[in-house]
Amino acid sequence: MAELEIHHESEHEADPTGQRVGVLAALLAVALAIVTIQSHRTHTAAIMHKSSANDAWAHYQSTRIKYHNLELGEKLVSIFGVKVESVDKILADFAAQKKKYEQQGKQIEEEAQKAGESAEADEHRALRFDLGEGLLEIALVLSSLYFISRKKMFPVMGIIAGVIGAAIAVTGLMM
């Protein structure tokens, strides 16, 4: 009868470098997950700000159309030259409405510009997170190559890429 060999974990040669690289890979994966989530949230915020800016610009355009319609009404009244009491009242009403729409237009334009600036700032922040995410992914892959090659240069390059990626991602938080 053939002998059955039972292997125990303690019989295998311990690889302390492999354990450290495994922990490094786990830490890089956690950092990658955090940066990825932040990147997605920032892209979503940029889209929402851009949508708000587009809505505000559409509102601004409708206000300007109303303003120009009032100007057209004033010109038509002056062209037809009708001189009755109600015409003066209509022209005064047109002037009051024009003033209202002009003030609203300025306010809406400011809101649209602020929303557009917020969207642009979010996109710049998201770019930082995206770059950090990419470098953290590269760091994770480089570090994992140790398990195939057993060469320590891969985790070292992974640490360098990971530190740079994390630093770039942190700059996205400070913007």
Protein backbone atom coordinates (compact mmCIF):
# COMPACT_ATOMS: atom_id res chain seq x y z
CA MET A 1 0.00 0.00 0.00
CA ALA A 2 1.32 3.43 -0.99
CA GLU A 3 2.17 5.83 1.73
CA LEU A 4 0.09 8.95 1.95
CA GLU A 5 1.99 12.15 2.57
CA ILE A 6 0.24 14.84 4.52
CA HIS A 7 1.70 18.27 4.15
CA HIS A 8 1.33 20.83 6.86
CA GLU A 9 1.55 24.58 6.55
CA SER A 10 4.52 24.63 8.87
CA GLU A 11 6.53 22.48 6.49
CA HIS A 12 6.51 25.17 3.78
CA GLU A 13 9.16 27.77 3.74
CA ALA A 14 7.87 31.05 5.17
CA ASP A 15 8.07 34.04 2.84
CA PRO A 16 8.12 37.19 5.01
CA THR A 17 8.62 39.39 1.94
CA GLY A 18 5.58 37.81 0.34
CA GLN A 19 3.55 38.52 3.46
CA ARG A 20 4.63 42.16 3.45
CA VAL A 21 3.84 42.46 -0.25
CA GLY A 22 0.43 40.90 0.41
CA VAL A 23 -0.29 43.51 3.08
CA LEU A 24 0.98 46.23 0.74
CA ALA A 25 -1.35 44.99 -2.00
CA ALA A 26 -4.28 45.00 0.43
CA LEU A 27 -3.51 48.58 1.51
CA LEU A 28 -3.19 49.68 -2.11
CA ALA A 29 -6.54 48.03 -2.90
CA VAL A 30 -8.23 49.90 -0.04
CA ALA A 31 -6.69 53.21 -1.15
CA LEU A 32 -7.76 52.46 -4.72
CA ALA A 33 -11.34 51.81 -3.62
CA ILE A 34 -11.49 55.09 -1.67
CA VAL A 35 -10.07 57.14 -4.55
CA THR A 36 -12.36 55.43 -7.07
CA ILE A 37 -15.44 56.23 -5.01
CA GLN A 38 -14.33 59.84 -4.58
CA SER A 39 -13.67 60.11 -8.32
CA HIS A 40 -17.15 58.84 -9.18
CA ARG A 41 -18.80 61.16 -6.66
CA THR A 42 -16.89 64.15 -8.02
CA HIS A 43 -17.84 63.32 -11.61
CA THR A 44 -21.47 63.09 -10.50
CA ALA A 45 -21.24 66.47 -8.77
CA ALA A 46 -19.77 67.98 -11.95
CA ILE A 47 -22.64 66.61 -14.01
CA MET A 48 -25.19 67.99 -11.55
CA HIS A 49 -23.54 71.43 -11.54
CA LYS A 50 -23.38 71.41 -15.34
CA SER A 51 -27.07 70.51 -15.48
CA SER A 52 -27.88 73.38 -13.12
CA ALA A 53 -25.84 75.74 -15.28
CA ASN A 54 -27.67 74.58 -18.41
CA ASP A 55 -31.04 75.07 -16.70
CA ALA A 56 -30.04 78.54 -15.55
CA TRP A 57 -28.86 79.51 -19.04
CA ALA A 58 -32.17 78.30 -20.50
CA HIS A 59 -34.02 80.39 -17.91
CA TYR A 60 -31.81 83.36 -18.77
CA GLN A 61 -32.61 82.96 -22.46
CA SER A 62 -36.35 82.85 -21.79
CA THR A 63 -36.05 86.01 -19.71
CA ARG A 64 -34.16 87.75 -22.51
CA ILE A 65 -36.80 86.68 -25.04
CA LYS A 66 -39.50 88.22 -22.85
CA TYR A 67 -37.42 91.39 -22.59
CA HIS A 68 -36.99 91.59 -26.37
CA ASN A 69 -40.73 90.98 -26.89
CA LEU A 70 -41.41 94.02 -24.72
CA GLU A 71 -38.96 96.07 -26.79
CA LEU A 72 -40.76 94.90 -29.92
CA GLY A 73 -44.09 95.96 -28.40
CA GLU A 74 -42.72 99.42 -27.65
CA LYS A 75 -41.46 99.78 -31.22
CA LEU A 76 -44.77 98.67 -32.69
CA VAL A 77 -46.65 101.20 -30.57
CA SER A 78 -44.30 103.96 -31.67
CA ILE A 79 -44.51 102.90 -35.35
CA PHE A 80 -48.28 102.91 -35.41
CA GLY A 81 -48.24 106.22 -33.58
CA VAL A 82 -51.59 105.82 -31.88
CA LYS A 83 -52.01 108.58 -29.30
CA VAL A 84 -54.55 107.49 -26.77
CA GLU A 85 -54.51 107.42 -23.02
CA SER A 86 -54.19 103.62 -22.86
CA VAL A 87 -51.01 103.67 -24.97
CA ASP A 88 -49.11 105.62 -22.31
CA LYS A 89 -50.30 103.13 -19.71
CA ILE A 90 -49.19 100.21 -21.90
CA LEU A 91 -45.77 101.78 -22.52
CA ALA A 92 -45.32 102.39 -18.77
CA ASP A 93 -46.26 98.78 -18.10
CA PHE A 94 -43.78 97.63 -20.77
CA ALA A 95 -41.03 99.74 -19.17
CA ALA A 96 -41.72 98.28 -15.72
CA GLN A 97 -41.68 94.73 -17.07
CA LYS A 98 -38.47 95.39 -18.99
CA LYS A 99 -36.81 96.61 -15.80
CA LYS A 100 -37.99 93.48 -13.97
CA TYR A 101 -36.71 91.14 -16.70
CA GLU A 102 -33.41 92.98 -16.91
CA GLN A 103 -32.83 92.53 -13.17
CA GLN A 104 -33.91 88.89 -13.29
CA GLY A 105 -31.64 88.29 -16.26
CA LYS A 106 -28.60 89.62 -14.42
CA GLN A 107 -29.37 87.49 -11.37
CA ILE A 108 -29.96 84.35 -13.45
CA GLU A 109 -26.78 84.99 -15.45
CA GLU A 110 -24.76 85.14 -12.21
CA GLU A 111 -26.31 81.86 -11.02
CA ALA A 112 -25.51 80.20 -14.34
CA GLN A 113 -21.92 81.39 -14.26
CA LYS A 114 -21.46 80.16 -10.67
CA ALA A 115 -22.89 76.74 -11.53
CA GLY A 116 -20.63 76.56 -14.59
CA GLU A 117 -17.59 77.47 -12.49
CA SER A 118 -18.54 74.81 -9.93
CA ALA A 119 -18.83 72.21 -12.70
CA GLU A 120 -15.42 73.17 -14.04
CA ALA A 121 -13.84 73.01 -10.57
CA ASP A 122 -15.40 69.57 -10.03
CA GLU A 123 -13.98 68.36 -13.34
CA HIS A 124 -10.49 69.53 -12.34
CA ARG A 125 -10.85 67.73 -9.00
CA ALA A 126 -12.15 64.60 -10.74
CA LEU A 127 -9.14 64.62 -13.05
CA ARG A 128 -6.86 64.52 -10.01
CA PHE A 129 -8.81 61.58 -8.60
CA ASP A 130 -8.69 59.80 -11.96
CA LEU A 131 -4.91 60.20 -12.18
CA GLY A 132 -4.52 59.01 -8.60
CA GLU A 133 -6.79 56.06 -9.33
CA GLY A 134 -4.76 55.06 -12.38
CA LEU A 135 -1.47 55.21 -10.50
CA LEU A 136 -2.90 53.21 -7.59
CA GLU A 137 -4.08 50.55 -10.06
CA ILE A 138 -0.59 50.42 -11.57
CA ALA A 139 0.89 50.20 -8.07
CA LEU A 140 -1.36 47.26 -7.20
CA VAL A 141 -0.44 45.39 -10.38
CA LEU A 142 3.28 46.08 -9.99
CA SER A 143 3.23 44.91 -6.39
CA SER A 144 1.36 41.74 -7.36
CA LEU A 145 4.05 40.88 -9.91
CA TYR A 146 6.28 39.93 -6.98
CA PHE A 147 4.28 36.73 -6.55
CA ILE A 148 5.08 35.67 -10.11
CA SER A 149 8.68 36.80 -10.34
CA ARG A 150 9.84 36.93 -6.70
CA LYS A 151 11.73 40.11 -7.60
CA LYS A 152 11.63 42.85 -4.97
CA MET A 153 11.87 45.61 -7.55
CA PHE A 154 8.16 45.20 -8.38
CA PRO A 155 6.83 46.04 -4.90
CA VAL A 156 9.31 48.92 -4.70
CA MET A 157 8.00 50.33 -7.98
CA GLY A 158 4.47 49.68 -6.66
CA ILE A 159 5.17 51.69 -3.52
CA ILE A 160 6.51 54.57 -5.60
CA ALA A 161 3.49 54.55 -7.94
CA GLY A 162 1.14 54.20 -4.96
CA VAL A 163 2.64 57.13 -3.07
CA ILE A 164 2.51 59.34 -6.16
CA GLY A 165 -1.07 58.25 -6.91
CA ALA A 166 -2.19 58.88 -3.34
CA ALA A 167 -0.49 62.28 -3.33
CA ILE A 168 -2.21 63.32 -6.55
CA ALA A 169 -5.57 62.11 -5.21
CA VAL A 170 -5.08 64.08 -2.00
CA THR A 171 -4.50 67.25 -4.07
CA GLY A 172 -8.01 66.68 -5.45
CA LEU A 173 -9.37 66.99 -1.92
CA MET A 174 -7.57 70.29 -1.41
CA MET A 175 -8.95 71.99 -4.52
